[in-house]
Amino acid sequence: MAEKNIVVIGAGVAGLTTALLLSKKPRYKIVVAAKHMPGDYDIEYTSPWAGANYMPVSVRGTESENWDMETWAPLADLAKNHPDAGVHFQDCEIHNRTVDIGSATAEWFAELLSPSPWFKDVVPNFRQLPKDCLLPGVDSATSFTSVCINTAIYLPWLVSQCLKNGVVFKRAVLSHVSEASLPGIHPSNKVDLVVNCTGLGAAKLGGVEDKTVVPARGQIVLVRNDAGKMMDISGTDDGDGEACYVMTRAAGGGTILGGSYQKGNWESQPDPNLAIRIMKRAVQLCPQLTGGKGIEHLDVIRHAVGLRPVREGGTRIEKEVKDGVWIVHNYGAGGAGYQSSYGCAKAAVELVEEALGSSVVRSRL
């Protein structure tokens, strides 16, 4: 079959995973064009700030459920067979308080908090925790085997796998989606299709300008203390925009203490008062962090803020034609970017195959 030239805009987890899956098809010649690349830390670039883990919040019977479901096996394979990817298995506990019913966090986590979520038959070792194992104020809890990802290792690993398959990486600041198909982006100067994986950037990218994409601000504290397991709880006593979770990254990546879920908040700098509340909640939820001592015994590496790219209606995976070139969109996963990454990328690749199998549109020269 004839070779096809593709430009992927964006080098976050969505763009890199999509590029990797596309690169496994030899007829595609791929360029990843992005303002930010792995190794960068910028508030516009969400993926490095993520936890990251597999803790599904997608609703049963939706496309998002399928995307999350299809991502578990690839992540589990990395944890089992590819230690260089920076992914490891970790026991995960989900604690539920009836007092949180109706709160923003409890609604966000509704499926995760269910005693019988859809993913109970996907992840290993799903079970209810006995009453005598529950923390004070907790009414029920479940446990399962999850994965935690060291993003500082995993994102460069994705780049390395793409490079092995011939993908080209190029720094580019694009103001309009059609600029990805202009001469100078792809070495062939001929582009058959563009994949838009711009996350929050989709709100401002010309030709897309999706105003349903908004940030959900997440503030975390990264510490050297080892939690021993991943933990989450249905809510806090500190307001709807705050959450409490703990996870230890693979390969010495430290432990993430979170957090917040502040929709519409673009503030890039950590809030010191919120940081104290995060640490206090984490130590209460997971006393083994400090051996039962206070937050002064947390060994802080850094405070950080990331902006989840939340889209009303969920992740956009669609195709369309702009200026005579096919565009496939894969953006807006919010806090599910990693745990839905392979499922979303697979769906995007299927749309690429459909588009490039069509003779309706002629490549832009």
Protein backbone atom coordinates (compact mmCIF):
# COMPACT_ATOMS: atom_id res chain seq x y z
CA MET A 1 0.00 0.00 0.00
CA ALA A 2 1.10 3.58 -0.64
CA GLU A 3 2.87 5.42 2.15
CA LYS A 4 0.88 8.05 4.02
CA ASN A 5 2.30 11.06 5.84
CA ILE A 6 0.86 11.94 9.23
CA VAL A 7 1.50 14.79 11.66
CA VAL A 8 0.53 14.32 15.31
CA ILE A 9 0.14 17.63 17.15
CA GLY A 10 1.02 17.28 20.82
CA ALA A 11 3.59 15.23 22.76
CA GLY A 12 1.64 14.46 25.91
CA VAL A 13 0.54 10.95 26.75
CA ALA A 14 -2.30 11.09 24.18
CA GLY A 15 -0.09 12.25 21.31
CA LEU A 16 2.80 9.92 22.12
CA THR A 17 0.59 6.84 22.56
CA THR A 18 -1.26 7.58 19.33
CA ALA A 19 2.01 8.11 17.49
CA LEU A 20 3.37 4.84 18.89
CA LEU A 21 0.38 2.80 17.74
CA LEU A 22 0.43 4.46 14.31
CA SER A 23 4.18 3.80 14.00
CA LYS A 24 3.55 0.06 14.19
CA LYS A 25 2.01 0.32 10.72
CA PRO A 26 4.96 0.61 8.30
CA ARG A 27 3.09 2.58 5.65
CA TYR A 28 2.71 5.58 7.94
CA LYS A 29 5.47 8.18 8.06
CA ILE A 30 4.89 10.14 11.24
CA VAL A 31 6.02 13.46 12.65
CA VAL A 32 5.13 14.52 16.20
CA ALA A 33 5.02 18.32 16.21
CA ALA A 34 4.70 19.99 19.60
CA LYS A 35 5.60 23.09 21.56
CA HIS A 36 6.42 20.99 24.64
CA MET A 37 8.29 17.68 24.73
CA PRO A 38 9.05 15.16 27.50
CA GLY A 39 11.60 16.73 29.81
CA ASP A 40 9.75 20.07 29.75
CA TYR A 41 7.81 21.30 32.76
CA ASP A 42 5.25 23.95 31.88
CA ILE A 43 1.71 24.64 33.07
CA GLU A 44 0.53 24.27 29.45
CA TYR A 45 1.93 20.72 29.36
CA THR A 46 -0.22 18.48 31.53
CA SER A 47 1.24 14.99 31.21
CA PRO A 48 4.44 15.36 33.31
CA TRP A 49 2.43 16.51 36.34
CA ALA A 50 0.10 13.50 36.46
CA GLY A 51 0.20 10.88 39.24
CA ALA A 52 -0.23 8.68 37.18
CA ASN A 53 -2.24 5.52 37.73
CA TYR A 54 -5.10 3.24 36.75
CA MET A 55 -8.11 4.16 38.86
CA PRO A 56 -11.13 4.17 36.51
CA VAL A 57 -13.87 6.74 37.01
CA SER A 58 -15.57 6.18 33.63
CA VAL A 59 -19.28 5.41 33.69
CA ARG A 60 -20.51 1.92 32.90
CA GLY A 61 -21.86 1.51 29.36
CA THR A 62 -20.01 4.49 27.84
CA GLU A 63 -17.22 4.76 25.27
CA SER A 64 -14.98 5.94 28.10
CA GLU A 65 -15.48 2.59 29.82
CA ASN A 66 -14.26 0.82 26.69
CA TRP A 67 -11.21 3.10 26.41
CA ASP A 68 -10.27 2.49 30.05
CA MET A 69 -10.88 -1.24 29.69
CA GLU A 70 -8.65 -1.49 26.61
CA THR A 71 -5.84 0.35 28.40
CA TRP A 72 -5.46 -2.03 31.34
CA ALA A 73 -3.79 -4.89 29.43
CA PRO A 74 -1.07 -2.71 27.80
CA LEU A 75 -0.24 -1.02 31.12
CA ALA A 76 -0.17 -4.36 32.94
CA ASP A 77 2.12 -5.75 30.25
CA LEU A 78 4.51 -2.83 30.75
CA ALA A 79 4.51 -3.37 34.52
CA LYS A 80 5.16 -7.09 34.11
CA ASN A 81 7.56 -7.24 31.17
CA HIS A 82 9.10 -3.79 30.57
CA PRO A 83 10.57 -2.32 33.77
CA ASP A 84 12.35 0.32 31.70
CA ALA A 85 8.96 1.95 31.02
CA GLY A 86 8.63 3.14 34.62
CA VAL A 87 5.32 1.38 35.36
CA HIS A 88 4.81 -0.91 38.37
CA PHE A 89 1.99 -2.82 40.03
CA GLN A 90 0.64 -1.40 43.27
CA ASP A 91 -2.12 -2.41 45.66
CA CYS A 92 -4.89 0.18 45.59
CA GLU A 93 -7.51 0.89 48.26
CA ILE A 94 -10.64 2.98 47.66
CA HIS A 95 -12.27 4.26 50.86
CA ASN A 96 -15.88 5.44 50.92
CA ARG A 97 -17.66 7.73 53.40
CA THR A 98 -21.46 8.04 53.22
CA VAL A 99 -21.09 11.64 54.39
CA ASP A 100 -19.58 12.47 50.98
CA ILE A 101 -22.65 11.41 48.97
CA GLY A 102 -23.62 14.25 46.64
CA SER A 103 -20.24 15.99 46.80
CA ALA A 104 -18.34 16.87 43.62
CA THR A 105 -15.60 14.35 44.41
CA ALA A 106 -18.04 11.54 45.16
CA GLU A 107 -19.89 12.18 41.89
CA TRP A 108 -16.60 12.28 39.96
CA PHE A 109 -15.59 8.98 41.60
CA ALA A 110 -19.07 7.39 41.47
CA GLU A 111 -18.05 4.27 39.53
CA LEU A 112 -14.74 3.96 41.37
CA LEU A 113 -16.60 4.03 44.71
CA SER A 114 -19.14 1.41 43.68
CA PRO A 115 -18.96 -1.92 45.56
CA SER A 116 -19.29 -3.61 42.16
CA PRO A 117 -17.68 -1.35 39.50
CA TRP A 118 -17.40 -2.45 35.86
CA PHE A 119 -13.62 -2.90 36.19
CA LYS A 120 -13.86 -5.49 39.01
CA ASP A 121 -13.42 -8.23 36.41
CA VAL A 122 -10.61 -6.38 34.58
CA VAL A 123 -8.08 -5.63 37.32
CA PRO A 124 -6.63 -8.43 39.49
CA ASN A 125 -7.57 -9.12 43.11
CA PHE A 126 -10.68 -6.95 43.37
CA ARG A 127 -12.31 -7.42 46.77
CA GLN A 128 -14.22 -5.71 49.55
CA LEU A 129 -12.16 -4.86 52.63
CA PRO A 130 -13.52 -6.24 55.91
CA LYS A 131 -15.06 -3.81 58.38
CA ASP A 132 -12.25 -4.26 60.89
CA CYS A 133 -9.76 -2.88 58.32
CA LEU A 134 -11.61 0.41 57.83
CA LEU A 135 -10.30 3.75 59.03
CA PRO A 136 -12.40 5.84 61.45
CA GLY A 137 -15.23 7.56 59.55
CA VAL A 138 -14.97 5.20 56.58
CA ASP A 139 -18.09 3.12 55.86
CA SER A 140 -16.78 0.75 53.18
CA ALA A 141 -13.70 0.12 51.07
CA THR A 142 -12.51 -1.94 48.14
CA SER A 143 -9.05 -3.06 47.09
CA PHE A 144 -7.49 -4.19 43.82
CA THR A 145 -4.17 -4.35 42.01
CA SER A 146 -3.48 -1.19 40.00
CA VAL A 147 -0.44 0.35 38.36
CA CYS A 148 1.42 3.55 39.11
CA ILE A 149 3.47 5.32 36.46
CA ASN A 150 6.60 7.40 36.88
CA THR A 151 5.87 10.01 34.21
CA ALA A 152 9.49 11.24 34.18
CA ILE A 153 10.49 7.79 32.88
CA TYR A 154 7.37 6.78 30.96
CA LEU A 155 7.03 9.79 28.64
CA PRO A 156 10.67 9.55 27.43
CA TRP A 157 10.14 5.78 27.08
CA LEU A 158 7.21 6.42 24.74
CA VAL A 159 9.45 8.76 22.73
CA SER A 160 12.17 6.10 22.53
CA GLN A 161 9.71 3.50 21.25
CA CYS A 162 8.45 5.93 18.63
CA LEU A 163 12.01 6.74 17.55
CA LYS A 164 12.75 3.04 17.09
CA ASN A 165 9.84 2.93 14.66
CA GLY A 166 11.04 5.91 12.65
CA VAL A 167 8.87 8.66 14.14
CA VAL A 168 10.35 12.16 13.78
CA PHE A 169 9.99 14.72 16.59
CA LYS A 170 9.87 18.42 15.79
CA ARG A 171 9.39 21.49 17.98
CA ALA A 172 6.60 23.61 16.55
CA VAL A 173 4.24 26.26 17.86
CA LEU A 174 1.06 26.09 15.80
CA SER A 175 -1.70 28.68 16.00
CA HIS A 176 -4.05 26.83 13.62
CA VAL A 177 -4.56 23.12 13.07
CA SER A 178 -4.08 23.57 9.31
CA GLU A 179 -0.49 24.77 9.89
CA ALA A 180 0.48 21.16 10.66
CA SER A 181 0.06 20.34 6.98
CA LEU A 182 2.16 23.24 5.69
CA PRO A 183 5.60 22.65 4.12
CA GLY A 184 8.38 22.39 6.69
CA ILE A 185 6.54 20.34 9.30
CA HIS A 186 6.72 16.92 7.66
CA PRO A 187 10.00 16.16 5.84
CA SER A 188 8.05 15.11 2.75
CA ASN A 189 6.31 18.54 2.65
CA LYS A 190 3.13 16.58 1.93
CA VAL A 191 0.67 15.69 4.66
CA ASP A 192 -2.21 13.25 4.28
CA LEU A 193 -3.66 13.51 7.78
CA VAL A 194 -3.25 15.42 11.05
CA VAL A 195 -3.97 14.00 14.52
CA ASN A 196 -4.90 16.66 17.05
CA CYS A 197 -3.77 15.67 20.57
CA THR A 198 -3.43 19.17 22.01
CA GLY A 199 -5.25 18.69 25.33
CA LEU A 200 -6.06 22.06 26.89
CA GLY A 201 -4.56 23.69 23.79
CA ALA A 202 -7.63 22.57 21.84
CA ALA A 203 -9.54 25.45 23.45
CA LYS A 204 -7.33 27.98 21.67
CA LEU A 205 -6.03 26.15 18.59
CA GLY A 206 -7.38 27.81 15.45
CA GLY A 207 -9.69 25.58 13.46
CA VAL A 208 -10.66 23.74 16.66
CA GLU A 209 -11.27 26.33 19.40
CA ASP A 210 -13.23 23.90 21.55
CA LYS A 211 -14.57 26.07 24.35
CA THR A 212 -15.97 23.03 26.16
CA VAL A 213 -12.37 22.20 27.17
CA VAL A 214 -11.53 23.70 30.56
CA PRO A 215 -8.80 23.10 33.14
CA ALA A 216 -9.40 21.12 36.31
CA ARG A 217 -6.57 22.31 38.50
CA GLY A 218 -4.74 19.62 40.42
CA GLN A 219 -2.24 20.53 43.15
CA ILE A 220 0.04 17.85 44.59
CA VAL A 221 2.95 17.39 46.95
CA LEU A 222 5.72 15.01 45.90
CA VAL A 223 7.53 13.40 48.85
CA ARG A 224 10.28 10.84 49.43
CA ASN A 225 8.22 8.91 51.99
CA ASP A 226 6.94 5.51 50.82
CA ALA A 227 3.20 4.93 51.18
CA GLY A 228 3.44 1.20 50.52
CA LYS A 229 0.17 1.28 48.56
CA MET A 230 -2.16 3.51 46.57
CA MET A 231 -5.10 5.03 48.45
CA ASP A 232 -8.07 7.21 47.61
CA ILE A 233 -11.11 8.41 49.55
CA SER A 234 -14.55 9.64 48.47
CA GLY A 235 -14.14 13.17 49.77
CA THR A 236 -12.69 15.57 52.30
CA ASP A 237 -14.00 17.94 54.95
CA ASP A 238 -12.28 20.87 53.23
CA GLY A 239 -14.63 21.70 50.38
CA ASP A 240 -15.88 20.35 47.06
CA GLY A 241 -12.80 21.28 45.05
CA GLU A 242 -10.42 19.22 47.18
CA ALA A 243 -9.58 15.51 47.17
CA CYS A 244 -7.29 13.08 48.97
CA TYR A 245 -5.19 10.40 47.30
CA VAL A 246 -1.75 8.84 47.72
CA MET A 247 0.35 6.85 45.24
CA THR A 248 4.02 5.89 45.02
CA ARG A 249 5.55 6.16 41.55
CA ALA A 250 7.69 3.41 40.05
CA ALA A 251 11.49 3.37 40.06
CA GLY A 252 12.11 5.79 42.92
CA GLY A 253 9.84 8.48 41.51
CA GLY A 254 8.56 9.52 44.93
CA THR A 255 5.07 9.50 46.38
CA ILE A 256 2.30 11.77 45.09
CA LEU A 257 0.04 13.34 47.71
CA GLY A 258 -3.08 14.95 46.27
CA GLY A 259 -4.94 16.93 45.72
CA SER A 260 -7.56 19.18 44.20
CA TYR A 261 -10.05 19.21 41.34
CA GLN A 262 -10.76 22.90 40.70
CA LYS A 263 -12.60 23.30 37.41
CA GLY A 264 -12.00 26.54 35.55
CA ASN A 265 -9.00 27.46 37.71
CA TRP A 266 -5.88 28.33 35.64
CA GLU A 267 -3.62 29.24 38.59
CA SER A 268 -0.20 27.70 37.97
CA GLN A 269 1.41 28.38 41.34
CA PRO A 270 0.94 26.11 44.39
CA ASP A 271 -1.28 27.42 47.17
CA PRO A 272 0.67 27.02 50.46
CA ASN A 273 -2.49 26.65 52.54
CA LEU A 274 -3.87 23.97 50.22
CA ALA A 275 -0.49 22.20 50.39
CA ILE A 276 -0.75 21.95 54.17
CA ARG A 277 -4.29 20.56 53.94
CA ILE A 278 -3.14 18.02 51.32
CA MET A 279 -0.32 16.80 53.56
CA LYS A 280 -2.52 16.60 56.67
CA ARG A 281 -5.19 14.60 54.84
CA ALA A 282 -2.60 12.26 53.31
CA VAL A 283 -1.00 11.47 56.67
CA GLN A 284 -4.43 10.84 58.18
CA LEU A 285 -5.45 8.54 55.30
CA CYS A 286 -2.09 6.78 55.15
CA PRO A 287 -0.33 6.91 58.57
CA GLN A 288 2.49 4.66 57.31
CA LEU A 289 3.81 7.65 55.34
CA THR A 290 5.30 9.05 58.54
CA GLY A 291 5.05 6.14 60.93
CA GLY A 292 2.00 7.72 62.51
CA LYS A 293 3.72 11.09 63.02
CA GLY A 294 2.73 14.52 61.71
CA ILE A 295 3.38 16.31 58.42
CA GLU A 296 6.71 17.67 59.68
CA HIS A 297 8.01 14.14 59.05
CA LEU A 298 7.16 14.31 55.35
CA ASP A 299 10.31 14.72 53.23
CA VAL A 300 9.08 17.06 50.48
CA ILE A 301 10.69 16.94 47.04
CA ARG A 302 8.49 19.63 45.50
CA HIS A 303 5.04 21.16 45.28
CA ALA A 304 3.41 21.17 41.86
CA VAL A 305 0.30 22.09 39.89
CA GLY A 306 -1.10 20.48 36.76
CA LEU A 307 -4.17 21.39 34.71
CA ARG A 308 -6.28 18.42 33.63
CA PRO A 309 -7.84 18.99 30.17
CA VAL A 310 -11.49 18.33 30.99
CA ARG A 311 -13.98 18.38 28.12
CA GLU A 312 -17.73 18.58 28.56
CA GLY A 313 -19.07 15.38 27.04
CA GLY A 314 -15.76 13.57 27.55
CA THR A 315 -12.78 12.83 25.33
CA ARG A 316 -13.24 13.89 21.71
CA ILE A 317 -12.30 11.13 19.29
CA GLU A 318 -13.69 12.17 15.93
CA LYS A 319 -12.57 12.85 12.37
CA GLU A 320 -13.33 15.72 10.03
CA VAL A 321 -11.91 17.53 7.01
CA LYS A 322 -10.28 20.96 7.31
CA ASP A 323 -8.86 22.81 4.30
CA GLY A 324 -8.78 19.61 2.28
CA VAL A 325 -6.90 17.57 4.91
CA TRP A 326 -8.26 14.90 7.25
CA ILE A 327 -8.08 15.76 10.96
CA VAL A 328 -8.49 13.11 13.66
CA HIS A 329 -9.07 14.45 17.17
CA ASN A 330 -7.98 12.79 20.41
CA TYR A 331 -8.12 15.25 23.31
CA GLY A 332 -10.02 16.18 26.46
CA ALA A 333 -9.49 13.11 28.67
CA GLY A 334 -9.33 15.16 31.86
CA GLY A 335 -7.81 13.15 34.69
CA ALA A 336 -8.05 9.89 32.70
CA GLY A 337 -5.27 10.64 30.23
CA TYR A 338 -3.02 7.75 31.23
CA GLN A 339 -5.63 5.20 32.24
CA SER A 340 -7.48 5.61 28.93
CA SER A 341 -4.41 6.27 26.78
CA TYR A 342 -4.20 3.04 24.81
CA GLY A 343 -7.95 2.73 24.35
CA CYS A 344 -8.25 6.31 23.09
CA ALA A 345 -5.19 5.93 20.85
CA LYS A 346 -6.58 2.71 19.40
CA ALA A 347 -9.89 4.44 18.62
CA ALA A 348 -8.02 7.34 17.01
CA VAL A 349 -5.93 4.95 14.89
CA GLU A 350 -9.13 3.27 13.68
CA LEU A 351 -10.39 6.68 12.50
CA VAL A 352 -7.05 7.31 10.76
CA GLU A 353 -7.44 3.99 8.93
CA GLU A 354 -10.99 4.90 7.91
CA ALA A 355 -9.97 8.36 6.71
CA LEU A 356 -6.95 7.24 4.72
CA GLY A 357 -8.98 4.44 3.19
CA SER A 358 -11.23 7.07 1.69
CA SER A 359 -10.56 8.77 -1.64
CA VAL A 360 -12.78 11.75 -0.82
CA VAL A 361 -9.97 14.09 0.18
CA ARG A 362 -6.78 14.78 -1.76
CA SER A 363 -3.61 15.52 0.23
CA ARG A 364 -2.65 19.16 0.62
CA LEU A 365 0.58 20.01 -1.17
